[in-house]
């Protein structure tokens, strides 16, 4: 069994309540941080831990905290990004629904470290039932003296507010989230200035993901250096993976980032293999925006080595032969799945969620959706494949926020690795409407040339 830090107590009956969470050792991190450490020492522990942002970008959390400006007399804010809208990702929902006090504890410690007296949880609109769970947990923590004025007699005041979004994927981008939190339309801001200098109401702000902030609790309890011993290389600690698709055991799994992709998919401890005895065709390993990989590049790197379930392992080979860990949304596709249809579905999503602020994204996502629909419905031309490649290339890197990249990468990877499936759709318009291309050669072992 792998190490469990966040989900260790998830199966304890009644863990959602303050009483049970406290009995199981909850809020020890708050007591330790507020009574025996100063804010700078907490930031230093998070730096030592090597914790990287768990929302997708993987930026070192302690370094991000150290960037926050501290102008005299200006309030600072911590914002928890709970706008979990990446298709295939649902691990933050699990934490908030079943372990709300773990998040609250992480928020209190992080707020103390950053000097935030007013902290916000911005939660996606579709998670309609979860704000009530969070607000109940906040009320329990406040009644027990862990929130409000003069927490534990230390002189530190902190309030946590839950803000519901209105169901916009774009508000997962930190500056769009801040705009929405201020009551405006959720359009991303041009950076600089970065939120650490001018965030919510032009005040210094740190925005972190739910899982990132929850991970602060074990870091404080065990110490940054002990936390850094778990995992491998720059992929320290544990990571929550949302596993879904054609697998026997979909769900949220906590891994210590030393296991291989093959073990994660096929071992009974995790996904339990491909459902219905089918064969693996492809996988999107980090949420819908990261590049899709065929089976032969997913289980092994281009060098023929086992691919590991961590930041470096999944990105090995760059976008040419690798992908990204991203938000940990692990979507598995079996031999019966159609890559063209899958790519069209994602393109339709990104077109719908584009805020329309930047022309390449506003126009390009619509064009990609239309072209992919033509190919999928048997009306495509061979030139459409090159046109798709050209459009995605002109979107990537040319927008204010990463939504343009998120829309371009799935299309680029699908053409890069599955071009013959696209060509088959174009050459066989009628047959493609009644059957899928199948597994083809996507699981065949790649011959690695031996260098002297």
Protein backbone atom coordinates (compact mmCIF):
# COMPACT_ATOMS: atom_id res chain seq x y z
CA UNK A 1 0.00 0.00 0.00
CA UNK A 2 1.25 3.47 -0.88
CA UNK A 3 1.63 6.32 1.60
CA UNK A 4 -1.61 8.14 2.46
CA UNK A 5 -1.39 11.70 3.79
CA UNK A 6 -4.62 13.36 2.65
CA UNK A 7 -7.00 10.40 2.40
CA UNK A 8 -5.62 8.51 5.41
CA UNK A 9 -8.75 9.21 7.49
CA UNK A 10 -11.25 9.42 4.62
CA UNK A 11 -13.00 6.17 5.60
CA UNK A 12 -13.40 7.05 9.29
CA UNK A 13 -17.12 7.26 10.03
CA UNK A 14 -18.28 10.82 10.66
CA UNK A 15 -14.93 12.39 9.62
CA UNK A 16 -16.88 15.23 8.02
CA UNK A 17 -17.79 16.51 11.50
CA UNK A 18 -15.48 18.65 13.64
CA UNK A 19 -15.78 16.34 16.64
CA UNK A 20 -14.56 13.22 14.81
CA UNK A 21 -11.92 15.11 12.79
CA UNK A 22 -10.53 16.61 16.01
CA UNK A 23 -10.55 13.23 17.76
CA UNK A 24 -8.53 11.78 14.85
CA UNK A 25 -5.79 14.38 15.32
CA UNK A 26 -7.31 17.25 13.37
CA UNK A 27 -6.25 20.89 13.91
CA UNK A 28 -2.89 19.85 15.41
CA UNK A 29 -1.23 21.68 12.50
CA UNK A 30 -3.08 24.88 13.46
CA UNK A 31 -1.99 24.56 17.08
CA UNK A 32 1.63 23.88 16.09
CA UNK A 33 1.80 26.63 13.45
CA UNK A 34 0.10 29.41 15.41
CA UNK A 35 1.70 28.76 18.82
CA UNK A 36 5.22 27.55 17.98
CA UNK A 37 6.05 28.98 14.53
CA UNK A 38 6.14 32.40 12.90
CA UNK A 39 4.77 33.02 9.36
CA UNK A 40 8.25 33.00 7.77
CA UNK A 41 9.02 29.59 9.34
CA UNK A 42 5.81 28.12 7.86
CA UNK A 43 6.71 29.43 4.38
CA UNK A 44 10.18 27.92 4.84
CA UNK A 45 8.69 24.50 5.74
CA UNK A 46 6.49 24.56 2.63
CA UNK A 47 9.57 25.46 0.54
CA UNK A 48 11.56 22.59 2.09
CA UNK A 49 8.71 20.16 1.35
CA UNK A 50 9.03 20.75 -2.39
CA UNK A 51 5.21 20.95 -2.62
CA UNK A 52 4.15 21.90 -6.14
CA UNK A 53 0.79 23.41 -7.07
CA UNK A 54 -1.72 20.59 -7.49
CA UNK A 55 -4.10 22.49 -9.75
CA UNK A 56 -2.24 21.80 -12.99
CA UNK A 57 0.72 24.13 -13.41
CA UNK A 58 2.94 22.44 -10.81
CA UNK A 59 4.63 25.68 -9.66
CA UNK A 60 6.46 25.37 -6.28
CA UNK A 61 3.96 26.53 -3.63
CA UNK A 62 6.52 27.88 -1.12
CA UNK A 63 8.15 30.01 -3.82
CA UNK A 64 4.74 31.37 -4.84
CA UNK A 65 4.04 32.31 -1.22
CA UNK A 66 7.38 34.10 -0.90
CA UNK A 67 6.46 36.42 -3.80
CA UNK A 68 3.54 38.06 -1.95
CA UNK A 69 4.03 41.79 -1.49
CA UNK A 70 3.80 43.17 2.06
CA UNK A 71 3.08 46.90 1.78
CA UNK A 72 2.47 48.60 5.14
CA UNK A 73 -1.21 48.84 6.11
CA UNK A 74 -2.54 47.00 3.04
CA UNK A 75 -4.54 43.79 3.71
CA UNK A 76 -3.39 40.56 2.07
CA UNK A 77 -5.65 37.70 0.96
CA UNK A 78 -5.51 33.96 0.40
CA UNK A 79 -7.93 32.57 -2.18
CA UNK A 80 -8.63 28.85 -2.47
CA UNK A 81 -9.29 27.87 -6.07
CA UNK A 82 -12.07 25.29 -5.85
CA UNK A 83 -13.30 25.99 -9.40
CA UNK A 84 -12.49 22.43 -10.41
CA UNK A 85 -13.80 22.45 -13.99
CA UNK A 86 -11.18 20.47 -15.94
CA UNK A 87 -13.00 17.54 -17.58
CA UNK A 88 -11.84 14.29 -15.98
CA UNK A 89 -10.84 15.93 -12.68
CA UNK A 90 -12.86 15.44 -9.47
CA UNK A 91 -10.32 15.04 -6.64
CA UNK A 92 -10.97 18.47 -5.06
CA UNK A 93 -14.69 17.68 -4.94
CA UNK A 94 -13.86 14.52 -2.97
CA UNK A 95 -11.73 16.46 -0.45
CA UNK A 96 -14.36 19.17 0.08
CA UNK A 97 -17.27 16.76 0.30
CA UNK A 98 -15.75 14.17 2.63
CA UNK A 99 -12.84 15.94 4.38
CA UNK A 100 -13.92 19.59 4.63
CA UNK A 101 -12.03 20.17 7.89
CA UNK A 102 -8.74 19.10 6.28
CA UNK A 103 -9.15 21.98 3.81
CA UNK A 104 -10.25 24.42 6.56
CA UNK A 105 -7.20 23.47 8.65
CA UNK A 106 -4.89 23.98 5.67
CA UNK A 107 -6.51 27.35 4.98
CA UNK A 108 -6.03 28.57 8.57
CA UNK A 109 -2.33 27.62 8.61
CA UNK A 110 -1.76 29.11 5.14
CA UNK A 111 -3.66 32.30 6.05
CA UNK A 112 -1.45 32.73 9.10
CA UNK A 113 1.68 32.22 6.97
CA UNK A 114 0.54 34.78 4.41
CA UNK A 115 -1.02 37.31 6.79
CA UNK A 116 -4.53 36.89 5.37
CA UNK A 117 -7.33 37.88 7.77
CA UNK A 118 -10.03 37.40 5.13
CA UNK A 119 -9.67 34.19 3.11
CA UNK A 120 -11.96 33.03 0.30
CA UNK A 121 -12.97 29.68 -1.15
CA UNK A 122 -14.14 30.20 -4.74
CA UNK A 123 -16.13 27.09 -5.68
CA UNK A 124 -17.49 26.13 -9.09
CA UNK A 125 -21.20 26.72 -9.60
CA UNK A 126 -21.95 23.11 -10.53
CA UNK A 127 -20.82 21.91 -7.07
CA UNK A 128 -24.14 23.17 -5.75
CA UNK A 129 -24.29 20.94 -2.65
CA UNK A 130 -20.73 21.45 -1.40
CA UNK A 131 -20.86 25.11 -0.18
CA UNK A 132 -23.33 24.01 2.52
CA UNK A 133 -20.86 21.32 3.70
CA UNK A 134 -18.01 23.86 3.76
CA UNK A 135 -20.03 26.56 5.53
CA UNK A 136 -21.11 24.05 8.18
CA UNK A 137 -17.45 23.04 8.71
CA UNK A 138 -16.41 26.71 8.93
CA UNK A 139 -19.13 27.34 11.55
CA UNK A 140 -17.94 24.31 13.57
CA UNK A 141 -14.30 25.47 13.43
CA UNK A 142 -15.34 28.97 14.49
CA UNK A 143 -17.41 27.66 17.41
CA UNK A 144 -14.36 25.71 18.59
CA UNK A 145 -12.15 28.83 18.49
CA UNK A 146 -10.12 27.95 15.39
CA UNK A 147 -11.59 30.81 13.33
CA UNK A 148 -12.69 34.35 14.11
CA UNK A 149 -10.98 36.80 16.47
CA UNK A 150 -7.81 36.03 18.43
CA UNK A 151 -7.45 32.36 17.37
CA UNK A 152 -6.00 30.25 20.23
CA UNK A 153 -5.15 33.48 22.05
CA UNK A 154 -2.41 34.31 19.53
CA UNK A 155 -3.87 37.65 18.40
CA UNK A 156 -4.38 36.29 14.85
CA UNK A 157 -7.82 36.95 13.33
CA UNK A 158 -9.14 35.00 10.35
CA UNK A 159 -12.47 34.60 8.61
CA UNK A 160 -13.15 32.21 5.72
CA UNK A 161 -15.85 33.03 3.17
CA UNK A 162 -17.32 30.68 0.54
CA UNK A 163 -18.05 32.29 -2.84
CA UNK A 164 -20.01 30.35 -5.44
CA UNK A 165 -19.08 30.67 -9.10
CA UNK A 166 -21.63 30.63 -11.90
CA UNK A 167 -20.29 27.65 -13.84
CA UNK A 168 -17.44 29.04 -15.95
CA UNK A 169 -14.33 26.95 -16.73
CA UNK A 170 -12.36 30.15 -17.38
CA UNK A 171 -12.73 31.14 -13.70
CA UNK A 172 -10.28 28.38 -12.80
CA UNK A 173 -7.60 30.74 -14.19
CA UNK A 174 -6.47 32.73 -11.16
CA UNK A 175 -6.99 36.26 -12.51
CA UNK A 176 -10.40 35.41 -14.01
CA UNK A 177 -11.30 33.92 -10.63
CA UNK A 178 -10.26 37.17 -8.95
CA UNK A 179 -12.37 39.23 -11.39
CA UNK A 180 -15.38 36.99 -10.67
CA UNK A 181 -14.76 37.19 -6.91
CA UNK A 182 -14.91 40.98 -7.23
CA UNK A 183 -18.32 40.68 -8.89
CA UNK A 184 -17.16 41.30 -12.46
CA UNK A 185 -17.27 39.14 -15.60
CA UNK A 186 -14.68 36.35 -15.30
CA UNK A 187 -12.20 37.59 -17.91
CA UNK A 188 -8.50 36.87 -17.29
CA UNK A 189 -6.30 39.88 -16.58
CA UNK A 190 -3.10 40.75 -18.40
CA UNK A 191 -0.06 39.90 -16.24
CA UNK A 192 1.95 41.66 -14.87
CA UNK A 193 0.89 42.84 -12.37
CA UNK A 194 0.66 39.37 -10.85
CA UNK A 195 -1.88 38.59 -8.08
CA UNK A 196 0.97 38.49 -5.51
CA UNK A 197 1.33 42.24 -6.10
CA UNK A 198 -2.21 43.25 -7.13
CA UNK A 199 -4.89 40.59 -6.75
CA UNK A 200 -8.32 40.83 -5.13
CA UNK A 201 -9.30 44.52 -4.88
CA UNK A 202 -5.74 45.37 -6.03
CA UNK A 203 -4.36 43.86 -2.81
CA UNK A 204 -1.56 41.26 -2.59
CA UNK A 205 -3.17 37.84 -3.10
CA UNK A 206 -2.12 34.20 -3.28
CA UNK A 207 -4.38 31.78 -5.19
CA UNK A 208 -3.86 28.06 -4.48
CA UNK A 209 -5.72 24.89 -5.38
CA UNK A 210 -7.77 22.87 -2.83
CA UNK A 211 -5.36 19.91 -2.81
CA UNK A 212 -2.31 22.20 -2.48
CA UNK A 213 -3.75 23.88 0.63
CA UNK A 214 -4.87 20.57 2.15
CA UNK A 215 -1.29 19.27 1.73
CA UNK A 216 -0.02 22.05 4.03
CA UNK A 217 -1.50 20.13 7.00
CA UNK A 218 0.74 17.02 6.74
CA UNK A 219 3.72 19.26 5.87
CA UNK A 220 3.36 21.17 9.16
CA UNK A 221 2.62 18.02 11.17
CA UNK A 222 5.55 15.96 9.86
CA UNK A 223 7.94 18.72 8.77
CA UNK A 224 8.90 19.81 5.26
CA UNK A 225 12.01 17.63 5.05
CA UNK A 226 10.12 14.45 6.00
CA UNK A 227 7.41 15.27 3.44
CA UNK A 228 10.07 15.76 0.76
CA UNK A 229 11.36 12.20 1.37
CA UNK A 230 8.07 10.83 -0.03
CA UNK A 231 7.98 10.66 -3.82
CA UNK A 232 10.93 11.02 -6.16
CA UNK A 233 13.06 13.92 -7.43
CA UNK A 234 11.05 17.13 -7.76
CA UNK A 235 7.78 15.18 -7.46
CA UNK A 236 7.58 15.19 -3.66
CA UNK A 237 4.74 14.13 -1.38
CA UNK A 238 1.56 12.43 -2.56
CA UNK A 239 -0.79 13.31 -5.41
CA UNK A 240 -4.51 12.73 -5.78
CA UNK A 241 -5.47 11.20 -9.13
CA UNK A 242 -9.03 11.24 -10.52
CA UNK A 243 -9.16 8.01 -12.52
CA UNK A 244 -12.03 7.54 -14.98
CA UNK A 245 -12.89 6.12 -18.39
CA UNK A 246 -12.72 2.48 -19.46
CA UNK A 247 -11.28 1.04 -16.23
CA UNK A 248 -12.61 -1.45 -13.69
CA UNK A 249 -12.23 0.80 -10.64
CA UNK A 250 -12.77 4.51 -11.35
CA UNK A 251 -12.29 6.83 -8.38
CA UNK A 252 -9.93 9.14 -6.49
CA UNK A 253 -6.57 7.57 -5.60
CA UNK A 254 -3.70 8.95 -3.54
CA UNK A 255 -0.32 7.91 -4.96
CA UNK A 256 3.21 8.66 -3.76
CA UNK A 257 4.49 9.36 -7.31
CA UNK A 258 7.01 6.51 -7.35
CA UNK A 259 4.70 4.02 -9.10
CA UNK A 260 4.64 3.39 -12.85
CA UNK A 261 1.70 4.22 -15.11
CA UNK A 262 1.39 0.51 -15.88
CA UNK A 263 1.03 -0.34 -12.18
CA UNK A 264 -1.52 2.43 -11.70
CA UNK A 265 -3.71 1.18 -14.56
CA UNK A 266 -3.39 -2.56 -14.06
CA UNK A 267 -2.89 -3.19 -10.32
CA UNK A 268 -5.90 -4.09 -8.16
CA UNK A 269 -4.89 -1.45 -5.64
CA UNK A 270 -5.68 1.27 -8.18
CA UNK A 271 -7.61 1.10 -11.49
CA UNK A 272 -7.82 -2.69 -11.69
CA UNK A 273 -7.15 -2.92 -15.44
CA UNK A 274 -9.20 -2.07 -18.51
CA UNK A 275 -12.95 -2.76 -18.19
CA UNK A 276 -14.66 -5.66 -19.98
CA UNK A 277 -11.37 -7.36 -20.84
CA UNK A 278 -10.60 -4.79 -23.56
CA UNK A 279 -7.16 -3.48 -24.52
CA UNK A 280 -5.74 -0.04 -23.72
CA UNK A 281 -5.68 2.32 -26.71
CA UNK A 282 -4.89 5.75 -25.30
CA UNK A 283 -4.96 7.92 -22.20
CA UNK A 284 -5.25 11.59 -21.29
CA UNK A 285 -3.17 11.53 -18.08
CA UNK A 286 -3.67 14.99 -16.55
CA UNK A 287 -7.11 16.37 -17.34
CA UNK A 288 -8.62 17.15 -20.76
CA UNK A 289 -6.16 19.91 -21.70
CA UNK A 290 -2.97 17.81 -21.63
CA UNK A 291 -1.77 15.88 -24.70
CA UNK A 292 -3.31 12.45 -25.29
CA UNK A 293 -0.86 9.54 -25.52
CA UNK A 294 -1.25 6.21 -27.37
CA UNK A 295 -0.80 3.07 -25.25
CA UNK A 296 2.75 2.43 -26.50
CA UNK A 297 3.96 5.87 -25.37
CA UNK A 298 1.91 5.87 -22.16
CA UNK A 299 3.30 2.78 -20.47
CA UNK A 300 6.88 3.35 -21.66
CA UNK A 301 8.83 6.44 -22.63
CA UNK A 302 10.25 6.85 -26.13
CA UNK A 303 13.52 5.47 -24.69
CA UNK A 304 11.72 2.25 -23.73
CA UNK A 305 11.84 2.88 -19.98
CA UNK A 306 8.76 2.45 -17.72
CA UNK A 307 6.88 5.77 -17.45
CA UNK A 308 6.31 6.95 -13.87
CA UNK A 309 3.18 8.62 -12.48
CA UNK A 310 4.80 11.94 -11.59
CA UNK A 311 5.56 15.40 -13.00
CA UNK A 312 8.86 14.42 -14.65
CA UNK A 313 7.77 10.93 -15.72
CA UNK A 314 4.68 11.97 -17.63
CA UNK A 315 6.44 14.92 -19.29
CA UNK A 316 9.43 12.80 -20.36
CA UNK A 317 9.99 13.37 -24.08
CA UNK A 318 8.23 16.76 -24.14
CA UNK A 319 5.05 17.04 -26.19
CA UNK A 320 6.62 14.99 -29.01
CA UNK A 321 6.40 11.73 -27.04
CA UNK A 322 5.16 12.79 -23.57
CA UNK A 323 2.34 14.65 -21.83
CA UNK A 324 1.79 16.26 -18.40
CA UNK A 325 0.55 15.27 -14.93
CA UNK A 326 -1.57 18.44 -14.94
CA UNK A 327 -4.47 18.33 -12.48
CA UNK A 328 -4.36 14.52 -12.24
CA UNK A 329 -7.49 13.85 -14.31
CA UNK A 330 -6.57 10.39 -15.65
CA UNK A 331 -8.91 9.48 -18.55
CA UNK A 332 -8.40 5.96 -19.96
CA UNK A 333 -9.66 5.01 -23.44
CA UNK A 334 -10.03 1.40 -24.60
CA UNK A 335 -9.74 -0.07 -28.12
CA UNK A 336 -13.38 0.76 -28.98
CA UNK A 337 -13.00 4.52 -28.49
CA UNK A 338 -12.83 6.95 -31.42
CA UNK A 339 -10.03 9.51 -31.12
CA UNK A 340 -11.68 11.87 -33.64
CA UNK A 341 -14.95 11.91 -31.70
CA UNK A 342 -13.09 12.35 -28.41
CA UNK A 343 -11.10 15.29 -29.82
CA UNK A 344 -14.28 16.85 -31.26
CA UNK A 345 -15.97 16.58 -27.84
CA UNK A 346 -13.06 18.40 -26.17
CA UNK A 347 -12.93 21.07 -28.90
CA UNK A 348 -16.65 21.71 -28.43
CA UNK A 349 -16.08 22.15 -24.68
CA UNK A 350 -13.24 24.66 -25.14
CA UNK A 351 -15.16 26.65 -27.75
CA UNK A 352 -18.08 26.87 -25.33
CA UNK A 353 -15.86 27.90 -22.39
CA UNK A 354 -13.69 30.49 -24.19
CA UNK A 355 -14.37 33.93 -22.67
CA UNK A 356 -13.93 35.52 -26.12
CA UNK A 357 -11.44 38.14 -24.98
CA UNK A 358 -8.60 37.06 -27.33
CA UNK A 359 -9.22 36.66 -31.07
CA UNK A 360 -7.06 33.52 -31.61
CA UNK A 361 -9.01 31.62 -28.93
CA UNK A 362 -12.43 33.13 -29.67
CA UNK A 363 -12.23 32.39 -33.41
CA UNK A 364 -9.84 29.43 -33.43
CA UNK A 365 -11.77 27.24 -30.98
CA UNK A 366 -14.91 27.66 -33.12
CA UNK A 367 -13.05 26.77 -36.32
CA UNK A 368 -11.49 23.68 -34.75
CA UNK A 369 -14.89 22.52 -33.50
CA UNK A 370 -16.48 22.92 -36.96
CA UNK A 371 -13.65 21.13 -38.81
CA UNK A 372 -13.58 18.25 -36.30
CA UNK A 373 -17.36 17.91 -36.59
CA UNK A 374 -17.02 17.63 -40.37
CA UNK A 375 -14.36 14.92 -40.08
CA UNK A 376 -16.34 13.02 -37.42
CA UNK A 377 -19.61 13.12 -39.44
CA UNK A 378 -18.00 11.96 -42.70
CA UNK A 379 -17.80 15.36 -44.40
CA UNK A 380 -14.08 16.02 -43.91
CA UNK A 381 -11.37 16.63 -46.51
CA UNK A 382 -7.73 15.54 -46.31
CA UNK A 383 -6.69 19.22 -46.24
CA UNK A 384 -8.76 19.68 -43.05
CA UNK A 385 -6.15 17.76 -41.02
CA UNK A 386 -3.38 20.20 -41.99
CA UNK A 387 -5.76 23.12 -41.48
CA UNK A 388 -6.50 21.90 -37.94
CA UNK A 389 -2.76 21.66 -37.26
CA UNK A 390 -2.26 25.20 -38.57
CA UNK A 391 -5.10 26.65 -36.45
CA UNK A 392 -3.96 25.06 -33.18
CA UNK A 393 -0.41 26.32 -33.86
CA UNK A 394 -1.73 29.88 -34.21
CA UNK A 395 -3.76 29.68 -30.98
CA UNK A 396 -1.01 28.25 -28.74
CA UNK A 397 0.98 30.94 -26.95
CA UNK A 398 -1.04 33.79 -28.44
CA UNK A 399 -3.66 34.36 -25.73
CA UNK A 400 -3.77 36.23 -22.40
CA UNK A 401 -4.47 33.05 -20.42
CA UNK A 402 -3.73 29.33 -20.92
CA UNK A 403 -7.23 28.41 -22.17
CA UNK A 404 -5.96 28.85 -25.73
CA UNK A 405 -3.15 26.37 -25.04
CA UNK A 406 -5.62 24.01 -23.32
CA UNK A 407 -7.76 24.01 -26.48
CA UNK A 408 -4.82 23.61 -28.86
CA UNK A 409 -2.85 20.84 -27.12
CA UNK A 410 -5.49 18.05 -27.35
CA UNK A 411 -5.93 18.71 -31.09
CA UNK A 412 -2.18 18.83 -31.72
CA UNK A 413 -1.53 15.59 -29.80
CA UNK A 414 -4.44 13.77 -31.47
CA UNK A 415 -3.07 14.61 -34.94
CA UNK A 416 0.54 13.95 -33.89
CA UNK A 417 -0.14 10.44 -32.59
CA UNK A 418 -3.36 9.38 -34.37
CA UNK A 419 -3.12 11.03 -37.80
CA UNK A 420 -3.90 7.77 -39.62
CA UNK A 421 -7.21 7.54 -37.72
CA UNK A 422 -8.14 11.04 -38.94
CA UNK A 423 -7.14 10.05 -42.50
CA UNK A 424 -9.24 6.86 -42.23
CA UNK A 425 -12.28 9.00 -41.31
CA UNK A 426 -11.72 11.18 -44.38
CA UNK A 427 -11.12 8.25 -46.75
CA UNK A 428 -13.97 6.12 -45.38
CA UNK A 429 -16.79 8.61 -44.66
CA UNK A 430 -19.60 6.01 -44.68
CA UNK A 431 -17.77 3.23 -42.85
CA UNK A 432 -16.63 5.69 -40.14
CA UNK A 433 -20.29 6.29 -39.25
CA UNK A 434 -20.95 2.63 -38.42
CA UNK A 435 -17.67 1.46 -36.84
CA UNK A 436 -14.58 2.85 -35.14
CA UNK A 437 -11.00 2.66 -36.35
CA UNK A 438 -10.11 0.27 -33.51
CA UNK A 439 -6.83 -0.37 -31.74
CA UNK A 440 -4.70 -0.49 -34.93
CA UNK A 441 -0.99 -0.23 -34.08
CA UNK A 442 -1.31 2.12 -31.09
CA UNK A 443 -0.35 -0.54 -28.54
CA UNK A 444 2.52 -2.01 -30.62
CA UNK A 445 5.90 -1.81 -28.98
CA UNK A 446 8.04 1.02 -30.28
CA UNK A 447 11.43 -0.06 -31.60
CA UNK A 448 14.09 1.98 -29.83
CA UNK A 449 17.27 2.22 -31.92
CA UNK A 450 20.34 1.12 -29.98
CA UNK A 451 23.05 3.79 -29.91
CA UNK A 452 26.68 2.83 -29.57
